[in-house]
Amino acid sequence: MKFKAFFLTITIQKRKLSKHEISREQHIKNIMDEVKERQSSFYSRLY
């Protein structure tokens, strides 16, 4: 009986974001939060 093993290791490094990218990510998060608030208020009025 033969046993063969293959191991693959992947290392993911978190890259540092620039100030522009950080502000963009925060802006997107704020917009998504506003959309969620609108959706929840809309659905709460329905029921």
PDB file of N, CA and C in Angstrom:
ATOM      1  N   MET A   1       0.845  -1.184   0.000  1.00  0.00           N
ATOM      2  CA  MET A   1       0.000   0.000   0.000  1.00  0.00           C
ATOM      3  C   MET A   1       0.889   1.245   0.000  1.00  0.00           C
ATOM      4  N   LYS A   2       0.620   2.137  -0.916  1.00  0.00           N
ATOM      5  CA  LYS A   2       1.400   3.366  -0.999  1.00  0.00           C
ATOM      6  C   LYS A   2       0.582   4.525  -0.448  1.00  0.00           C
ATOM      7  N   PHE A   3       1.260   5.426   0.217  1.00  0.00           N
ATOM      8  CA  PHE A   3       0.618   6.622   0.775  1.00  0.00           C
ATOM      9  C   PHE A   3       1.360   7.841   0.256  1.00  0.00           C
ATOM     10  N   LYS A   4       0.638   8.675  -0.459  1.00  0.00           N
ATOM     11  CA  LYS A   4       1.236   9.906  -0.970  1.00  0.00           C
ATOM     12  C   LYS A   4       0.518  11.089  -0.342  1.00  0.00           C
ATOM     13  N   ALA A   5       1.274  12.056   0.091  1.00  0.00           N
ATOM     14  CA  ALA A   5       0.692  13.252   0.709  1.00  0.00           C
ATOM     15  C   ALA A   5       1.250  14.491   0.011  1.00  0.00           C
ATOM     16  N   PHE A   6       0.356  15.403  -0.231  1.00  0.00           N
ATOM     17  CA  PHE A   6       0.749  16.668  -0.839  1.00  0.00           C
ATOM     18  C   PHE A   6       0.204  17.785   0.027  1.00  0.00           C
ATOM     19  N   PHE A   7       1.055  18.622   0.523  1.00  0.00           N
ATOM     20  CA  PHE A   7       0.652  19.720   1.390  1.00  0.00           C
ATOM     21  C   PHE A   7       0.917  21.042   0.680  1.00  0.00           C
ATOM     22  N   LEU A   8      -0.075  21.889   0.728  1.00  0.00           N
ATOM     23  CA  LEU A   8       0.048  23.206   0.119  1.00  0.00           C
ATOM     24  C   LEU A   8      -0.268  24.245   1.186  1.00  0.00           C
ATOM     25  N   THR A   9       0.651  25.116   1.410  1.00  0.00           N
ATOM     26  CA  THR A   9       0.459  26.169   2.406  1.00  0.00           C
ATOM     27  C   THR A   9       0.376  27.510   1.687  1.00  0.00           C
ATOM     28  N   ILE A  10      -0.690  28.222   1.989  1.00  0.00           N
ATOM     29  CA  ILE A  10      -0.885  29.540   1.391  1.00  0.00           C
ATOM     30  C   ILE A  10      -0.838  30.573   2.504  1.00  0.00           C
ATOM     31  N   THR A  11      -0.019  31.553   2.332  1.00  0.00           N
ATOM     32  CA  THR A  11       0.088  32.630   3.306  1.00  0.00           C
ATOM     33  C   THR A  11      -0.499  33.895   2.693  1.00  0.00           C
ATOM     34  N   ILE A  12      -1.459  34.450   3.400  1.00  0.00           N
ATOM     35  CA  ILE A  12      -2.090  35.682   2.934  1.00  0.00           C
ATOM     36  C   ILE A  12      -1.667  36.804   3.868  1.00  0.00           C
ATOM     37  N   GLN A  13      -1.066  37.806   3.299  1.00  0.00           N
ATOM     38  CA  GLN A  13      -0.642  38.945   4.101  1.00  0.00           C
ATOM     39  C   GLN A  13      -1.623  40.082   3.888  1.00  0.00           C
ATOM     40  N   LYS A  14      -2.008  40.698   4.979  1.00  0.00           N
ATOM     41  CA  LYS A  14      -2.906  41.838   4.888  1.00  0.00           C
ATOM     42  C   LYS A  14      -2.076  43.057   4.507  1.00  0.00           C
ATOM     43  N   ARG A  15      -2.436  43.632   3.366  1.00  0.00           N
ATOM     44  CA  ARG A  15      -1.681  44.798   2.929  1.00  0.00           C
ATOM     45  C   ARG A  15      -2.202  46.044   3.631  1.00  0.00           C
ATOM     46  N   LYS A  16      -1.337  46.994   3.751  1.00  0.00           N
ATOM     47  CA  LYS A  16      -1.714  48.238   4.414  1.00  0.00           C
ATOM     48  C   LYS A  16      -2.470  49.120   3.433  1.00  0.00           C
ATOM     49  N   LEU A  17      -3.563  49.684   3.911  1.00  0.00           N
ATOM     50  CA  LEU A  17      -4.386  50.539   3.062  1.00  0.00           C
ATOM     51  C   LEU A  17      -3.905  51.986   3.147  1.00  0.00           C
ATOM     52  N   SER A  18      -4.041  52.682   2.056  1.00  0.00           N
ATOM     53  CA  SER A  18      -3.702  54.102   2.059  1.00  0.00           C
ATOM     54  C   SER A  18      -4.839  54.884   2.725  1.00  0.00           C
ATOM     55  N   LYS A  19      -4.588  56.125   3.031  1.00  0.00           N
ATOM     56  CA  LYS A  19      -5.617  56.956   3.669  1.00  0.00           C
ATOM     57  C   LYS A  19      -6.831  57.100   2.766  1.00  0.00           C
ATOM     58  N   HIS A  20      -6.592  57.205   1.470  1.00  0.00           N
ATOM     59  CA  HIS A  20      -7.701  57.324   0.510  1.00  0.00           C
ATOM     60  C   HIS A  20      -8.552  56.051   0.522  1.00  0.00           C
ATOM     61  N   GLU A  21      -7.896  54.902   0.537  1.00  0.00           N
ATOM     62  CA  GLU A  21      -8.631  53.632   0.555  1.00  0.00           C
ATOM     63  C   GLU A  21      -9.414  53.459   1.849  1.00  0.00           C
ATOM     64  N   ILE A  22      -8.832  53.871   2.959  1.00  0.00           N
ATOM     65  CA  ILE A  22      -9.515  53.766   4.250  1.00  0.00           C
ATOM     66  C   ILE A  22     -10.754  54.650   4.260  1.00  0.00           C
ATOM     67  N   SER A  23     -10.623  55.887   3.772  1.00  0.00           N
ATOM     68  CA  SER A  23     -11.784  56.785   3.756  1.00  0.00           C
ATOM     69  C   SER A  23     -12.850  56.262   2.805  1.00  0.00           C
ATOM     70  N   ARG A  24     -12.446  55.673   1.696  1.00  0.00           N
ATOM     71  CA  ARG A  24     -13.400  55.094   0.745  1.00  0.00           C
ATOM     72  C   ARG A  24     -14.151  53.928   1.392  1.00  0.00           C
ATOM     73  N   GLU A  25     -13.427  53.061   2.086  1.00  0.00           N
ATOM     74  CA  GLU A  25     -14.060  51.922   2.763  1.00  0.00           C
ATOM     75  C   GLU A  25     -15.054  52.407   3.821  1.00  0.00           C
ATOM     76  N   GLN A  26     -14.696  53.441   4.563  1.00  0.00           N
ATOM     77  CA  GLN A  26     -15.597  53.983   5.576  1.00  0.00           C
ATOM     78  C   GLN A  26     -16.835  54.586   4.929  1.00  0.00           C
ATOM     79  N   HIS A  27     -16.659  55.254   3.809  1.00  0.00           N
ATOM     80  CA  HIS A  27     -17.785  55.850   3.090  1.00  0.00           C
ATOM     81  C   HIS A  27     -18.742  54.756   2.608  1.00  0.00           C
ATOM     82  N   ILE A  28     -18.191  53.694   2.053  1.00  0.00           N
ATOM     83  CA  ILE A  28     -19.017  52.571   1.588  1.00  0.00           C
ATOM     84  C   ILE A  28     -19.762  51.947   2.755  1.00  0.00           C
ATOM     85  N   LYS A  29     -19.084  51.782   3.888  1.00  0.00           N
ATOM     86  CA  LYS A  29     -19.727  51.197   5.071  1.00  0.00           C
ATOM     87  C   LYS A  29     -20.874  52.081   5.545  1.00  0.00           C
ATOM     88  N   ASN A  30     -20.667  53.395   5.557  1.00  0.00           N
ATOM     89  CA  ASN A  30     -21.723  54.322   5.969  1.00  0.00           C
ATOM     90  C   ASN A  30     -22.928  54.234   5.048  1.00  0.00           C
ATOM     91  N   ILE A  31     -22.672  54.160   3.754  1.00  0.00           N
ATOM     92  CA  ILE A  31     -23.774  54.046   2.792  1.00  0.00           C
ATOM     93  C   ILE A  31     -24.539  52.745   3.013  1.00  0.00           C
ATOM     94  N   MET A  32     -23.819  51.659   3.217  1.00  0.00           N
ATOM     95  CA  MET A  32     -24.475  50.366   3.441  1.00  0.00           C
ATOM     96  C   MET A  32     -25.307  50.396   4.721  1.00  0.00           C
ATOM     97  N   ASP A  33     -24.798  51.052   5.758  1.00  0.00           N
ATOM     98  CA  ASP A  33     -25.556  51.178   7.005  1.00  0.00           C
ATOM     99  C   ASP A  33     -26.840  51.974   6.790  1.00  0.00           C
ATOM    100  N   GLU A  34     -26.751  53.044   6.012  1.00  0.00           N
ATOM    101  CA  GLU A  34     -27.943  53.849   5.720  1.00  0.00           C
ATOM    102  C   GLU A  34     -28.979  53.033   4.955  1.00  0.00           C
ATOM    103  N   VAL A  35     -28.528  52.244   4.005  1.00  0.00           N
ATOM    104  CA  VAL A  35     -29.445  51.403   3.225  1.00  0.00           C
ATOM    105  C   VAL A  35     -30.127  50.386   4.138  1.00  0.00           C
ATOM    106  N   LYS A  36     -29.366  49.795   5.042  1.00  0.00           N
ATOM    107  CA  LYS A  36     -29.949  48.821   5.981  1.00  0.00           C
ATOM    108  C   LYS A  36     -30.993  49.479   6.878  1.00  0.00           C
ATOM    109  N   GLU A  37     -30.705  50.703   7.316  1.00  0.00           N
ATOM    110  CA  GLU A  37     -31.669  51.428   8.145  1.00  0.00           C
ATOM    111  C   GLU A  37     -32.957  51.691   7.378  1.00  0.00           C
ATOM    112  N   ARG A  38     -32.831  52.124   6.133  1.00  0.00           N
ATOM    113  CA  ARG A  38     -34.012  52.373   5.304  1.00  0.00           C
ATOM    114  C   ARG A  38     -34.814  51.097   5.099  1.00  0.00           C
ATOM    115  N   GLN A  39     -34.124  50.007   4.833  1.00  0.00           N
ATOM    116  CA  GLN A  39     -34.816  48.732   4.619  1.00  0.00           C
ATOM    117  C   GLN A  39     -35.558  48.304   5.873  1.00  0.00           C
ATOM    118  N   SER A  40     -34.910  48.421   7.019  1.00  0.00           N
ATOM    119  CA  SER A  40     -35.551  47.985   8.258  1.00  0.00           C
ATOM    120  C   SER A  40     -36.759  48.859   8.586  1.00  0.00           C
ATOM    121  N   SER A  41     -36.653  50.170   8.349  1.00  0.00           N
ATOM    122  CA  SER A  41     -37.799  51.038   8.625  1.00  0.00           C
ATOM    123  C   SER A  41     -38.930  50.761   7.639  1.00  0.00           C
ATOM    124  N   PHE A  42     -38.590  50.454   6.400  1.00  0.00           N
ATOM    125  CA  PHE A  42     -39.602  50.131   5.395  1.00  0.00           C
ATOM    126  C   PHE A  42     -40.338  48.843   5.770  1.00  0.00           C
ATOM    127  N   TYR A  43     -39.574  47.814   6.139  1.00  0.00           N
ATOM    128  CA  TYR A  43     -40.198  46.538   6.476  1.00  0.00           C
ATOM    129  C   TYR A  43     -40.969  46.610   7.784  1.00  0.00           C
ATOM    130  N   SER A  44     -40.517  47.432   8.716  1.00  0.00           N
ATOM    131  CA  SER A  44     -41.245  47.550   9.983  1.00  0.00           C
ATOM    132  C   SER A  44     -42.588  48.242   9.774  1.00  0.00           C
ATOM    133  N   ARG A  45     -42.670  49.137   8.779  1.00  0.00           N
ATOM    134  CA  ARG A  45     -43.954  49.777   8.466  1.00  0.00           C
ATOM    135  C   ARG A  45     -44.912  48.807   7.783  1.00  0.00           C
ATOM    136  N   LEU A  46     -44.372  47.841   7.074  1.00  0.00           N
ATOM    137  CA  LEU A  46     -45.228  46.870   6.390  1.00  0.00           C
ATOM    138  C   LEU A  46     -45.919  45.922   7.369  1.00  0.00           C
ATOM    139  N   TYR A  47     -45.232  45.606   8.462  1.00  0.00           N
ATOM    140  CA  TYR A  47     -45.783  44.605   9.392  1.00  0.00           C
ATOM    141  C   TYR A  47     -46.214  45.208  10.700  1.00  0.00           C
TER     142      TYR A  47
END
